[in-house]
C-alpha atoms as a PDB file:
ATOM      1  CA  MET A   1     148.419  88.309  96.197  1.00  0.00           C
ATOM      2  CA  GLY A   2     144.796  89.337  97.450  1.00  0.00           C
ATOM      3  CA  LEU A   3     145.952  92.850  96.435  1.00  0.00           C
ATOM      4  CA  PHE A   4     145.556  92.522  92.380  1.00  0.00           C
ATOM      5  CA  THR A   5     142.868  90.034  92.531  1.00  0.00           C
ATOM      6  CA  THR A   6     139.490  90.826  90.548  1.00  0.00           C
ATOM      7  CA  ARG A   7     136.037  90.388  91.983  1.00  0.00           C
ATOM      8  CA  GLU A   8     133.416  88.112  90.967  1.00  0.00           C
ATOM      9  CA  PRO A   9     130.528  90.076  89.734  1.00  0.00           C
ATOM     10  CA  ARG A  10     126.918  89.819  91.636  1.00  0.00           C
ATOM     11  CA  ARG A  11     125.071  86.748  90.707  1.00  0.00           C
ATOM     12  CA  PHE A  12     121.523  87.640  88.689  1.00  0.00           C
ATOM     13  CA  ARG A  13     118.434  87.751  90.735  1.00  0.00           C
ATOM     14  CA  GLY A  14     115.347  87.152  88.343  1.00  0.00           C
ATOM     15  CA  VAL A  15     113.397  89.392  90.984  1.00  0.00           C
ATOM     16  CA  HIS A  16     110.267  90.874  89.064  1.00  0.00           C
ATOM     17  CA  ILE A  17     109.285  94.399  89.290  1.00  0.00           C
ATOM     18  CA  TYR A  18     105.749  94.593  87.883  1.00  0.00           C
ATOM     19  CA  THR A  19     103.681  91.320  89.321  1.00  0.00           C
ATOM     20  CA  SER A  20     100.167  90.485  88.319  1.00  0.00           C
ATOM     21  CA  GLU A  21      98.134  90.404  91.667  1.00  0.00           C
ATOM     22  CA  ARG A  22      95.525  88.269  89.499  1.00  0.00           C
ATOM     23  CA  LYS A  23      97.937  85.587  87.987  1.00  0.00           C
ATOM     24  CA  ASP A  24      99.691  85.175  91.671  1.00  0.00           C
ATOM     25  CA  LYS A  25      95.797  84.429  93.041  1.00  0.00           C
ATOM     26  CA  LEU A  26      95.117  82.160  90.540  1.00  0.00           C
ATOM     27  CA  ASP A  27      98.451  80.463  90.855  1.00  0.00           C
ATOM     28  CA  LYS A  28      97.919  80.332  94.576  1.00  0.00           C
ATOM     29  CA  LEU A  29      94.348  78.446  94.005  1.00  0.00           C
ATOM     30  CA  VAL A  30      95.783  76.297  91.553  1.00  0.00           C
ATOM     31  CA  GLU A  31      98.295  75.476  94.566  1.00  0.00           C
ATOM     32  CA  GLU A  32      95.864  74.382  97.472  1.00  0.00           C
ATOM     33  CA  ALA A  33      93.602  73.084  94.985  1.00  0.00           C
ATOM     34  CA  LYS A  34      96.639  70.888  94.342  1.00  0.00           C
ATOM     35  CA  ARG A  35      97.646  70.057  98.081  1.00  0.00           C
ATOM     36  CA  GLU A  36      93.786  69.389  98.520  1.00  0.00           C
ATOM     37  CA  GLU A  37      93.712  67.043  95.953  1.00  0.00           C
ATOM     38  CA  MET A  38      97.056  65.388  97.361  1.00  0.00           C
ATOM     39  CA  ARG A  39      95.398  65.116 101.047  1.00  0.00           C
ATOM     40  CA  GLU A  40      92.416  63.548  99.660  1.00  0.00           C
ATOM     41  CA  ARG A  41      94.248  60.591  98.082  1.00  0.00           C
ATOM     42  CA  GLY A  42      96.047  60.029 101.153  1.00  0.00           C
ATOM     43  CA  GLU A  43      99.562  61.459  99.760  1.00  0.00           C
ATOM     44  CA  HIS A  44     101.906  63.347 101.728  1.00  0.00           C
ATOM     45  CA  VAL A  45     101.925  67.500 101.525  1.00  0.00           C
ATOM     46  CA  GLU A  46     104.923  69.375 101.869  1.00  0.00           C
ATOM     47  CA  TYR A  47     104.078  72.185 103.825  1.00  0.00           C
ATOM     48  CA  THR A  48     105.682  75.207 102.166  1.00  0.00           C
ATOM     49  CA  PRO A  49     104.894  78.749 103.957  1.00  0.00           C
ATOM     50  CA  ASP A  50     103.463  81.284 102.252  1.00  0.00           C
ATOM     51  CA  ILE A  51     105.691  84.490 102.028  1.00  0.00           C
ATOM     52  CA  GLU A  52     102.508  86.894 102.581  1.00  0.00           C
ATOM     53  CA  SER A  53     101.815  85.161 106.026  1.00  0.00           C
ATOM     54  CA  TYR A  54     105.300  86.491 107.466  1.00  0.00           C
ATOM     55  CA  ARG A  55     105.013  89.833 105.772  1.00  0.00           C
ATOM     56  CA  GLY A  56     104.960  92.996 108.400  1.00  0.00           C
ATOM     57  CA  LYS A  57     105.534  90.553 111.530  1.00  0.00           C
ATOM     58  CA  PHE A  58     108.708  91.992 112.052  1.00  0.00           C
ATOM     59  CA  VAL A  59     107.505  95.824 112.176  1.00  0.00           C
ATOM     60  CA  GLN A  60     104.389  94.407 113.911  1.00  0.00           C
ATOM     61  CA  ASN A  61     106.407  93.249 117.035  1.00  0.00           C
ATOM     62  CA  SER A  62     108.956  96.267 117.425  1.00  0.00           C
ATOM     63  CA  SER A  63     107.272  99.240 118.650  1.00  0.00           C
ATOM     64  CA  ARG A  64     109.516 101.207 117.700  1.00  0.00           C
ATOM     65  CA  LEU A  65     109.349 100.547 114.150  1.00  0.00           C
ATOM     66  CA  SER A  66     105.169 100.055 114.882  1.00  0.00           C
ATOM     67  CA  ARG A  67     105.132 103.900 115.559  1.00  0.00           C
ATOM     68  CA  PHE A  68     106.224 105.055 111.498  1.00  0.00           C
ATOM     69  CA  THR A  69     103.726 102.387 109.712  1.00  0.00           C
ATOM     70  CA  ASP A  70     100.673 103.042 111.934  1.00  0.00           C
ATOM     71  CA  PRO A  71      98.330 104.520 109.166  1.00  0.00           C
ATOM     72  CA  ASP A  72      95.930 106.193 111.846  1.00  0.00           C
ATOM     73  CA  ARG A  73      98.695 107.996 113.869  1.00  0.00           C
ATOM     74  CA  ARG A  74      98.679 111.649 112.626  1.00  0.00           C
ATOM     75  CA  ARG A  75     102.405 113.782 112.785  1.00  0.00           C
ATOM     76  CA  LEU A  76     100.976 117.181 113.844  1.00  0.00           C
ATOM     77  CA  HIS A  77      97.462 118.166 114.881  1.00  0.00           C
ATOM     78  CA  PRO A  78      95.964 120.527 112.161  1.00  0.00           C
ATOM     79  CA  ALA A  79      95.853 123.228 115.160  1.00  0.00           C
ATOM     80  CA  VAL A  80      99.160 122.953 116.452  1.00  0.00           C
ATOM     81  CA  ALA A  81     100.549 123.616 112.467  1.00  0.00           C
ATOM     82  CA  VAL A  82      98.165 126.399 111.999  1.00  0.00           C
ATOM     83  CA  THR A  83      99.326 127.829 115.254  1.00  0.00           C
ATOM     84  CA  ILE A  84     103.228 127.468 114.728  1.00  0.00           C
ATOM     85  CA  ILE A  85     102.835 129.338 111.171  1.00  0.00           C
ATOM     86  CA  VAL A  86     100.682 132.152 112.420  1.00  0.00           C
ATOM     87  CA  VAL A  87     103.153 132.778 115.134  1.00  0.00           C
ATOM     88  CA  LEU A  88     106.260 132.159 112.686  1.00  0.00           C
ATOM     89  CA  LEU A  89     104.181 134.632 110.357  1.00  0.00           C
ATOM     90  CA  ILE A  90     104.176 137.355 112.972  1.00  0.00           C
ATOM     91  CA  ILE A  91     107.825 137.244 114.219  1.00  0.00           C
ATOM     92  CA  TRP A  92     108.423 137.480 110.542  1.00  0.00           C
ATOM     93  CA  HIS A  93     106.762 140.683 110.654  1.00  0.00           C
ATOM     94  CA  TRP A  94     108.350 141.923 113.608  1.00  0.00           C
ATOM     95  CA  ILE A  95     111.920 141.255 112.127  1.00  0.00           C
ATOM     96  CA  LEU A  96     110.981 143.082 108.774  1.00  0.00           C
ATOM     97  CA  THR A  97     109.253 146.373 110.389  1.00  0.00           C
ATOM     98  CA  GLY A  98     110.552 146.337 113.901  1.00  0.00           C
ATOM     99  CA  SER A  99     107.116 146.615 115.444  1.00  0.00           C
ATOM    100  CA  PHE A 100     103.849 144.593 116.363  1.00  0.00           C
ATOM    101  CA  ARG A 101     101.692 146.695 114.522  1.00  0.00           C
ATOM    102  CA  PHE A 102      99.689 145.309 111.525  1.00  0.00           C
END
């Protein structure tokens, strides 16, 4: 009966939260040096794509997602924000006092 069976626990994923960028760069340099040495000896070199080369490609090709990741895009112009705040303060004053006199 499938009703009373227990589910298997999730598998362990050993993903490191804290990484050392220096160590990663050093490992990458060592790996590239080994590949270059193998090429010089004439051995077959297996290509393994670097994960960093794929980072951001999906967001880059989607126009909807790229608007949210664009660092130069401003959400609201400061002058518009100040104008909205002033208008809201005037409305708040009018609601409290019942007149537009300051």
